[in-house]
C-alpha atoms as a PDB file:
ATOM      1  CA  MET A   1      39.875 -48.672   0.465  1.00  0.00           C
ATOM      2  CA  GLU A   2      39.776 -47.946   3.751  1.00  0.00           C
ATOM      3  CA  THR A   3      41.304 -44.549   3.045  1.00  0.00           C
ATOM      4  CA  MET A   4      38.643 -44.018   0.721  1.00  0.00           C
ATOM      5  CA  THR A   5      35.616 -44.573   3.242  1.00  0.00           C
ATOM      6  CA  ARG A   6      37.617 -42.228   5.714  1.00  0.00           C
ATOM      7  CA  PHE A   7      37.613 -39.531   2.959  1.00  0.00           C
ATOM      8  CA  TYR A   8      33.601 -39.869   2.529  1.00  0.00           C
ATOM      9  CA  VAL A   9      32.545 -40.020   6.032  1.00  0.00           C
ATOM     10  CA  GLY A  10      34.996 -37.079   6.343  1.00  0.00           C
ATOM     11  CA  LEU A  11      33.349 -35.302   3.616  1.00  0.00           C
ATOM     12  CA  GLY A  12      29.815 -35.896   4.992  1.00  0.00           C
ATOM     13  CA  MET A  13      30.718 -34.623   8.379  1.00  0.00           C
ATOM     14  CA  LEU A  14      31.999 -31.434   6.781  1.00  0.00           C
ATOM     15  CA  PHE A  15      29.009 -30.853   4.852  1.00  0.00           C
ATOM     16  CA  VAL A  16      26.510 -31.776   8.040  1.00  0.00           C
ATOM     17  CA  LEU A  17      28.630 -29.239   9.899  1.00  0.00           C
ATOM     18  CA  THR A  18      28.409 -26.653   7.104  1.00  0.00           C
ATOM     19  CA  ILE A  19      24.623 -27.115   6.773  1.00  0.00           C
ATOM     20  CA  GLY A  20      24.146 -26.751  10.761  1.00  0.00           C
ATOM     21  CA  PHE A  21      26.594 -23.508  10.541  1.00  0.00           C
ATOM     22  CA  PHE A  22      23.955 -22.004   7.719  1.00  0.00           C
ATOM     23  CA  ILE A  23      20.936 -22.993   9.955  1.00  0.00           C
ATOM     24  CA  PHE A  24      22.190 -21.686  13.194  1.00  0.00           C
ATOM     25  CA  LEU A  25      23.208 -18.374  11.297  1.00  0.00           C
ATOM     26  CA  GLY A  26      19.871 -17.954   9.706  1.00  0.00           C
ATOM     27  CA  TYR A  27      18.086 -18.654  13.239  1.00  0.00           C
ATOM     28  CA  LYS A  28      20.220 -16.042  14.586  1.00  0.00           C
ATOM     29  CA  VAL A  29      19.571 -13.564  11.943  1.00  0.00           C
ATOM     30  CA  THR A  30      15.847 -13.912  12.070  1.00  0.00           C
ATOM     31  CA  HIS A  31      15.991 -13.931  16.046  1.00  0.00           C
ATOM     32  CA  SER A  32      18.056 -10.697  15.875  1.00  0.00           C
ATOM     33  CA  GLU A  33      16.678  -7.131  16.870  1.00  0.00           C
ATOM     34  CA  THR A  34      17.991  -5.279  13.688  1.00  0.00           C
ATOM     35  CA  TYR A  35      15.694  -7.960  11.607  1.00  0.00           C
ATOM     36  CA  ASP A  36      12.494  -7.628  13.948  1.00  0.00           C
ATOM     37  CA  GLU A  37      13.038  -3.678  13.603  1.00  0.00           C
ATOM     38  CA  PHE A  38      12.867  -4.382   9.774  1.00  0.00           C
ATOM     39  CA  LYS A  39       9.576  -6.415  10.297  1.00  0.00           C
ATOM     40  CA  LYS A  40       8.314  -3.424  12.396  1.00  0.00           C
ATOM     41  CA  TYR A  41       8.958  -0.959   9.665  1.00  0.00           C
ATOM     42  CA  ASP A  42       7.367  -3.021   7.052  1.00  0.00           C
ATOM     43  CA  LEU A  43       4.349  -3.256   8.944  1.00  0.00           C
ATOM     44  CA  GLU A  44       4.169   1.066   9.487  1.00  0.00           C
ATOM     45  CA  TYR A  45       4.541   1.145   6.079  1.00  0.00           C
ATOM     46  CA  LYS A  46       1.597  -1.180   5.184  1.00  0.00           C
ATOM     47  CA  GLN A  47      -0.625   0.475   8.152  1.00  0.00           C
ATOM     48  CA  CYS A  48       0.268   4.093   6.507  1.00  0.00           C
ATOM     49  CA  VAL A  49      -0.780   2.835   3.004  1.00  0.00           C
ATOM     50  CA  THR A  50      -3.624   1.538   4.209  1.00  0.00           C
ATOM     51  CA  GLN A  51      -4.380   4.895   5.713  1.00  0.00           C
ATOM     52  CA  CYS A  52      -4.072   6.687   2.547  1.00  0.00           C
ATOM     53  CA  GLY A  53      -7.334   4.993   1.344  1.00  0.00           C
ATOM     54  CA  THR A  54      -9.481   7.006   3.220  1.00  0.00           C
ATOM     55  CA  PRO A  55     -10.124  10.773   1.016  1.00  0.00           C
ATOM     56  CA  SER A  56      -8.488  13.678   2.574  1.00  0.00           C
ATOM     57  CA  VAL A  57      -8.691  17.346   1.634  1.00  0.00           C
ATOM     58  CA  ILE A  58      -5.391  17.835   2.428  1.00  0.00           C
ATOM     59  CA  GLU A  59      -3.272  15.617   0.417  1.00  0.00           C
ATOM     60  CA  THR A  60      -4.120  13.091  -2.687  1.00  0.00           C
ATOM     61  CA  GLN A  61      -3.809   9.485  -2.340  1.00  0.00           C
ATOM     62  CA  GLN A  62      -0.586   9.612  -4.542  1.00  0.00           C
ATOM     63  CA  GLU A  63       1.174  12.001  -2.110  1.00  0.00           C
ATOM     64  CA  CYS A  64      -0.082  10.367   0.962  1.00  0.00           C
ATOM     65  CA  GLU A  65       1.624   6.986  -0.535  1.00  0.00           C
ATOM     66  CA  ASP A  66       4.870   8.876  -1.563  1.00  0.00           C
ATOM     67  CA  LYS A  67       5.030  10.395   2.051  1.00  0.00           C
ATOM     68  CA  CYS A  68       4.727   6.946   3.417  1.00  0.00           C
ATOM     69  CA  LYS A  69       7.407   5.510   1.409  1.00  0.00           C
ATOM     70  CA  LEU A  70      10.009   8.616   2.351  1.00  0.00           C
ATOM     71  CA  ASP A  71       9.415   7.658   6.036  1.00  0.00           C
ATOM     72  CA  TYR A  72       9.941   4.195   5.569  1.00  0.00           C
ATOM     73  CA  GLU A  73      13.073   5.093   3.447  1.00  0.00           C
ATOM     74  CA  TRP A  74      14.022   7.546   6.097  1.00  0.00           C
ATOM     75  CA  ARG A  75      13.616   5.000   8.948  1.00  0.00           C
ATOM     76  CA  GLN A  76      15.808   2.449   6.514  1.00  0.00           C
ATOM     77  CA  SER A  77      18.556   4.181   6.298  1.00  0.00           C
ATOM     78  CA  SER A  78      18.647   5.680  10.466  1.00  0.00           C
END
């Protein structure tokens, strides 16, 4: 009986350590520079698309959105 109790206590500790490790990794990823840069790129894309709403003689709405998308994809690949 005592060995089963030790087994379950050890299994519980392993489970808690595993969950803690994944929480730690998630925290590190969300506070990394790369994640912040992706968020910034996404905000720049949304800002670019909202500026496409103003009518322009030079380019149409679709051309403006396509340019924003290409610019966004280029920044992500860099």
